[in-house]
Amino acid sequence: MSDIALKKKDLEEKIIATMKTVYDPEIPVNIYEIGLIYSITIEDDFHVRIVMTLTTPNCPVAESLPSEVRDKVKMVEGVKDVDLELTFDPPWDMSMLTPEARLELGID
């Protein structure tokens, strides 16, 4: 694995750890584990692109949650800048929960 690939992998792990500190107020599990993060792309210049969704388009934190994610990821050491795209395609559903989130919520 190249040096840049190793740096990007390390940065991705830091970004995911940061995302795990952000919670959707409707579900007491972090946004990464409930499946709100669709993709994280790190360019060679360490510009980060995030595609995420919300549990519903009418989510009470529709205005603030994406900004919180963007701001926290921007603070991760090594991140140059962050573009965040909010999408509802595909719409979020319970199947997107990780096994850890399912256990935390007592599902299954």
N, C-alpha and C. Protein backbone atom coordinates (compact mmCIF):
# COMPACT_ATOMS: atom_id res chain seq x y z
N MET A 1 0.85 -1.17 0.00
CA MET A 1 0.00 0.00 0.00
C MET A 1 0.89 1.24 0.00
N SER A 2 0.57 2.21 -0.84
CA SER A 2 1.38 3.42 -0.94
C SER A 2 1.25 4.28 0.32
N ASP A 3 2.20 5.20 0.45
CA ASP A 3 2.20 6.10 1.60
C ASP A 3 0.91 6.94 1.64
N ILE A 4 0.48 7.43 0.48
CA ILE A 4 -0.74 8.25 0.44
C ILE A 4 -1.96 7.41 0.79
N ALA A 5 -1.98 6.16 0.33
CA ALA A 5 -3.11 5.28 0.65
C ALA A 5 -3.16 5.00 2.15
N LEU A 6 -2.01 4.82 2.77
CA LEU A 6 -1.97 4.60 4.22
C LEU A 6 -2.45 5.83 4.97
N LYS A 7 -2.04 7.00 4.51
CA LYS A 7 -2.48 8.25 5.16
C LYS A 7 -3.99 8.43 5.01
N LYS A 8 -4.52 8.10 3.83
CA LYS A 8 -5.96 8.23 3.60
C LYS A 8 -6.72 7.23 4.46
N LYS A 9 -6.21 6.02 4.61
CA LYS A 9 -6.86 5.00 5.44
C LYS A 9 -6.88 5.46 6.90
N ASP A 10 -5.75 5.97 7.37
CA ASP A 10 -5.66 6.48 8.74
C ASP A 10 -6.63 7.65 8.95
N LEU A 11 -6.68 8.54 7.98
CA LEU A 11 -7.58 9.69 8.07
C LEU A 11 -9.03 9.24 8.07
N GLU A 12 -9.37 8.25 7.25
CA GLU A 12 -10.73 7.75 7.23
C GLU A 12 -11.13 7.18 8.59
N GLU A 13 -10.22 6.46 9.23
CA GLU A 13 -10.50 5.92 10.56
C GLU A 13 -10.75 7.04 11.57
N LYS A 14 -9.98 8.12 11.48
CA LYS A 14 -10.18 9.27 12.38
C LYS A 14 -11.52 9.96 12.10
N ILE A 15 -11.87 10.05 10.83
CA ILE A 15 -13.14 10.68 10.46
C ILE A 15 -14.30 9.85 10.99
N ILE A 16 -14.23 8.53 10.83
CA ILE A 16 -15.29 7.65 11.33
C ILE A 16 -15.40 7.76 12.85
N ALA A 17 -14.26 7.78 13.54
CA ALA A 17 -14.29 7.92 15.00
C ALA A 17 -14.96 9.25 15.40
N THR A 18 -14.69 10.29 14.65
CA THR A 18 -15.32 11.59 14.92
C THR A 18 -16.82 11.52 14.67
N MET A 19 -17.22 10.87 13.58
CA MET A 19 -18.65 10.76 13.28
C MET A 19 -19.39 9.97 14.36
N LYS A 20 -18.69 9.07 15.00
CA LYS A 20 -19.31 8.27 16.06
C LYS A 20 -19.55 9.09 17.33
N THR A 21 -19.14 10.37 17.32
CA THR A 21 -19.44 11.24 18.46
C THR A 21 -20.68 12.10 18.20
N VAL A 22 -21.28 11.93 17.01
CA VAL A 22 -22.46 12.71 16.62
C VAL A 22 -23.68 11.81 16.70
N TYR A 23 -24.72 12.28 17.36
CA TYR A 23 -25.93 11.48 17.57
C TYR A 23 -27.15 12.12 16.95
N ASP A 24 -28.00 11.29 16.37
CA ASP A 24 -29.32 11.73 15.92
C ASP A 24 -30.17 11.80 17.18
N PRO A 25 -30.84 12.91 17.44
CA PRO A 25 -31.60 13.03 18.69
C PRO A 25 -32.79 12.08 18.80
N GLU A 26 -33.24 11.54 17.67
CA GLU A 26 -34.39 10.63 17.71
C GLU A 26 -34.00 9.20 18.01
N ILE A 27 -32.74 8.86 17.79
CA ILE A 27 -32.26 7.49 18.00
C ILE A 27 -30.99 7.60 18.84
N PRO A 28 -30.95 6.95 20.00
CA PRO A 28 -29.80 7.11 20.90
C PRO A 28 -28.57 6.31 20.47
N VAL A 29 -28.23 6.39 19.20
CA VAL A 29 -27.06 5.72 18.65
C VAL A 29 -26.40 6.71 17.69
N ASN A 30 -25.08 6.62 17.56
CA ASN A 30 -24.38 7.60 16.71
C ASN A 30 -24.77 7.46 15.24
N ILE A 31 -24.57 8.53 14.50
CA ILE A 31 -25.03 8.60 13.11
C ILE A 31 -24.33 7.59 12.20
N TYR A 32 -23.10 7.21 12.53
CA TYR A 32 -22.39 6.24 11.70
C TYR A 32 -23.01 4.85 11.86
N GLU A 33 -23.29 4.47 13.09
CA GLU A 33 -23.84 3.14 13.36
C GLU A 33 -25.29 3.00 12.89
N ILE A 34 -26.04 4.10 12.84
CA ILE A 34 -27.42 3.96 12.36
C ILE A 34 -27.51 4.06 10.84
N GLY A 35 -26.37 4.26 10.19
CA GLY A 35 -26.34 4.20 8.73
C GLY A 35 -26.67 5.49 8.01
N LEU A 36 -26.48 6.62 8.68
CA LEU A 36 -26.76 7.90 8.01
C LEU A 36 -25.64 8.34 7.08
N ILE A 37 -24.46 7.75 7.22
CA ILE A 37 -23.33 8.10 6.36
C ILE A 37 -23.28 7.11 5.21
N TYR A 38 -23.55 7.59 4.01
CA TYR A 38 -23.54 6.74 2.83
C TYR A 38 -22.15 6.55 2.26
N SER A 39 -21.34 7.60 2.26
CA SER A 39 -19.98 7.44 1.75
C SER A 39 -19.06 8.53 2.28
N ILE A 40 -17.78 8.16 2.35
CA ILE A 40 -16.70 9.08 2.72
C ILE A 40 -15.64 8.91 1.63
N THR A 41 -15.35 9.98 0.93
CA THR A 41 -14.32 9.93 -0.11
C THR A 41 -13.22 10.92 0.27
N ILE A 42 -11.99 10.44 0.25
CA ILE A 42 -10.86 11.30 0.58
C ILE A 42 -10.00 11.42 -0.68
N GLU A 43 -9.88 12.65 -1.17
CA GLU A 43 -9.06 12.90 -2.35
C GLU A 43 -7.58 12.90 -1.96
N ASP A 44 -6.71 12.81 -2.94
CA ASP A 44 -5.26 12.79 -2.68
C ASP A 44 -4.77 14.06 -1.98
N ASP A 45 -5.51 15.17 -2.12
CA ASP A 45 -5.13 16.41 -1.43
C ASP A 45 -5.80 16.52 -0.05
N PHE A 46 -6.45 15.41 0.39
CA PHE A 46 -7.11 15.30 1.70
C PHE A 46 -8.34 16.18 1.84
N HIS A 47 -8.93 16.49 0.71
CA HIS A 47 -10.25 17.11 0.66
C HIS A 47 -11.25 15.96 0.83
N VAL A 48 -12.19 16.10 1.74
CA VAL A 48 -13.12 15.01 2.09
C VAL A 48 -14.51 15.33 1.55
N ARG A 49 -15.11 14.31 0.97
CA ARG A 49 -16.49 14.43 0.48
C ARG A 49 -17.32 13.39 1.22
N ILE A 50 -18.41 13.85 1.84
CA ILE A 50 -19.30 12.98 2.61
C ILE A 50 -20.68 13.04 1.99
N VAL A 51 -21.27 11.88 1.81
CA VAL A 51 -22.67 11.79 1.39
C VAL A 51 -23.41 11.18 2.56
N MET A 52 -24.45 11.89 3.03
CA MET A 52 -25.20 11.40 4.18
C MET A 52 -26.69 11.64 3.98
N THR A 53 -27.46 11.04 4.85
CA THR A 53 -28.91 11.22 4.84
C THR A 53 -29.37 11.51 6.26
N LEU A 54 -30.66 11.63 6.42
CA LEU A 54 -31.29 11.77 7.73
C LEU A 54 -32.34 10.68 7.82
N THR A 55 -32.82 10.43 9.03
CA THR A 55 -33.82 9.37 9.18
C THR A 55 -35.10 9.69 8.43
N THR A 56 -35.43 10.97 8.33
CA THR A 56 -36.59 11.41 7.53
C THR A 56 -36.29 12.81 6.99
N PRO A 57 -36.90 13.19 5.88
CA PRO A 57 -36.70 14.55 5.38
C PRO A 57 -37.18 15.62 6.36
N ASN A 58 -38.12 15.26 7.22
CA ASN A 58 -38.66 16.21 8.20
C ASN A 58 -37.96 16.13 9.55
N CYS A 59 -36.79 15.52 9.57
CA CYS A 59 -36.03 15.37 10.81
C CYS A 59 -35.86 16.73 11.47
N PRO A 60 -36.09 16.81 12.80
CA PRO A 60 -36.00 18.10 13.48
C PRO A 60 -34.61 18.74 13.45
N VAL A 61 -33.59 17.95 13.15
CA VAL A 61 -32.24 18.51 13.08
C VAL A 61 -31.72 18.56 11.64
N ALA A 62 -32.64 18.63 10.69
CA ALA A 62 -32.26 18.65 9.27
C ALA A 62 -31.33 19.82 8.95
N GLU A 63 -31.48 20.92 9.65
CA GLU A 63 -30.63 22.08 9.42
C GLU A 63 -29.29 21.95 10.14
N SER A 64 -29.32 21.45 11.37
CA SER A 64 -28.11 21.48 12.19
C SER A 64 -27.23 20.24 12.11
N LEU A 65 -27.79 19.06 11.89
CA LEU A 65 -26.98 17.84 11.92
C LEU A 65 -25.93 17.81 10.81
N PRO A 66 -26.27 18.09 9.55
CA PRO A 66 -25.22 18.10 8.52
C PRO A 66 -24.12 19.11 8.82
N SER A 67 -24.47 20.27 9.33
CA SER A 67 -23.47 21.28 9.69
C SER A 67 -22.57 20.78 10.81
N GLU A 68 -23.16 20.10 11.79
CA GLU A 68 -22.37 19.55 12.89
C GLU A 68 -21.37 18.53 12.36
N VAL A 69 -21.82 17.65 11.47
CA VAL A 69 -20.93 16.64 10.89
C VAL A 69 -19.80 17.33 10.12
N ARG A 70 -20.15 18.26 9.25
CA ARG A 70 -19.14 18.98 8.46
C ARG A 70 -18.13 19.66 9.37
N ASP A 71 -18.61 20.39 10.37
CA ASP A 71 -17.72 21.13 11.26
C ASP A 71 -16.79 20.21 12.05
N LYS A 72 -17.32 19.10 12.54
CA LYS A 72 -16.49 18.18 13.32
C LYS A 72 -15.45 17.49 12.45
N VAL A 73 -15.83 17.11 11.23
CA VAL A 73 -14.87 16.46 10.34
C VAL A 73 -13.79 17.45 9.90
N LYS A 74 -14.15 18.71 9.70
CA LYS A 74 -13.16 19.72 9.34
C LYS A 74 -12.09 19.86 10.42
N MET A 75 -12.44 19.57 11.66
CA MET A 75 -11.50 19.70 12.77
C MET A 75 -10.55 18.51 12.91
N VAL A 76 -10.80 17.43 12.16
CA VAL A 76 -9.92 16.26 12.23
C VAL A 76 -8.57 16.64 11.62
N GLU A 77 -7.51 16.36 12.35
CA GLU A 77 -6.17 16.68 11.87
C GLU A 77 -5.90 15.97 10.55
N GLY A 78 -5.49 16.74 9.55
CA GLY A 78 -5.18 16.17 8.24
C GLY A 78 -6.24 16.47 7.18
N VAL A 79 -7.44 16.82 7.62
CA VAL A 79 -8.51 17.15 6.67
C VAL A 79 -8.31 18.58 6.18
N LYS A 80 -8.26 18.73 4.85
CA LYS A 80 -8.07 20.07 4.27
C LYS A 80 -9.38 20.83 4.16
N ASP A 81 -10.42 20.15 3.70
CA ASP A 81 -11.73 20.78 3.57
C ASP A 81 -12.77 19.67 3.46
N VAL A 82 -14.04 20.04 3.63
CA VAL A 82 -15.13 19.06 3.62
C VAL A 82 -16.27 19.57 2.76
N ASP A 83 -16.71 18.73 1.85
CA ASP A 83 -17.96 18.95 1.12
C ASP A 83 -18.92 17.90 1.64
N LEU A 84 -20.12 18.33 2.02
CA LEU A 84 -21.11 17.39 2.52
C LEU A 84 -22.36 17.48 1.65
N GLU A 85 -22.78 16.35 1.15
CA GLU A 85 -24.01 16.28 0.35
C GLU A 85 -25.07 15.54 1.15
N LEU A 86 -26.22 16.16 1.28
CA LEU A 86 -27.35 15.54 1.95
C LEU A 86 -28.26 14.96 0.88
N THR A 87 -28.60 13.69 1.03
CA THR A 87 -29.44 13.03 0.04
C THR A 87 -30.52 12.20 0.73
N PHE A 88 -31.58 11.95 0.02
CA PHE A 88 -32.63 11.06 0.52
C PHE A 88 -32.87 9.92 -0.46
N ASP A 89 -31.86 9.67 -1.29
CA ASP A 89 -31.93 8.60 -2.28
C ASP A 89 -30.68 7.74 -2.16
N PRO A 90 -30.79 6.55 -1.60
CA PRO A 90 -32.03 5.91 -1.15
C PRO A 90 -32.45 6.45 0.21
N PRO A 91 -33.75 6.37 0.48
CA PRO A 91 -34.22 6.81 1.80
C PRO A 91 -33.70 5.88 2.89
N TRP A 92 -33.43 6.45 4.06
CA TRP A 92 -32.96 5.66 5.19
C TRP A 92 -34.07 4.74 5.67
N ASP A 93 -33.69 3.54 6.09
CA ASP A 93 -34.62 2.63 6.76
C ASP A 93 -33.86 1.79 7.77
N MET A 94 -34.58 1.04 8.57
CA MET A 94 -33.98 0.29 9.68
C MET A 94 -32.95 -0.75 9.22
N SER A 95 -33.00 -1.17 7.96
CA SER A 95 -32.04 -2.15 7.47
C SER A 95 -30.62 -1.58 7.42
N MET A 96 -30.48 -0.27 7.52
CA MET A 96 -29.17 0.36 7.44
C MET A 96 -28.44 0.39 8.78
N LEU A 97 -29.11 -0.03 9.84
CA LEU A 97 -28.48 -0.10 11.15
C LEU A 97 -27.37 -1.14 11.14
N THR A 98 -26.23 -0.82 11.76
CA THR A 98 -25.17 -1.81 11.91
C THR A 98 -25.58 -2.82 12.97
N PRO A 99 -24.93 -3.98 13.02
CA PRO A 99 -25.24 -4.94 14.09
C PRO A 99 -25.09 -4.33 15.48
N GLU A 100 -24.09 -3.44 15.64
CA GLU A 100 -23.89 -2.78 16.94
C GLU A 100 -25.09 -1.91 17.30
N ALA A 101 -25.61 -1.18 16.32
CA ALA A 101 -26.77 -0.32 16.56
C ALA A 101 -28.01 -1.16 16.88
N ARG A 102 -28.17 -2.26 16.16
CA ARG A 102 -29.31 -3.15 16.40
C ARG A 102 -29.26 -3.68 17.84
N LEU A 103 -28.08 -4.06 18.28
CA LEU A 103 -27.91 -4.56 19.65
C LEU A 103 -28.23 -3.46 20.66
N GLU A 104 -27.70 -2.27 20.43
CA GLU A 104 -27.92 -1.13 21.33
C GLU A 104 -29.40 -0.80 21.44
N LEU A 105 -30.13 -0.91 20.33
CA LEU A 105 -31.54 -0.58 20.31
C LEU A 105 -32.45 -1.75 20.68
N GLY A 106 -31.86 -2.93 20.88
CA GLY A 106 -32.64 -4.10 21.25
C GLY A 106 -33.48 -4.65 20.10
N ILE A 107 -32.98 -4.50 18.89
CA ILE A 107 -33.68 -4.99 17.69
C ILE A 107 -33.11 -6.35 17.33
N ASP A 108 -33.97 -7.29 17.00
CA ASP A 108 -33.66 -8.67 16.57
C ASP A 108 -33.92 -9.64 17.63
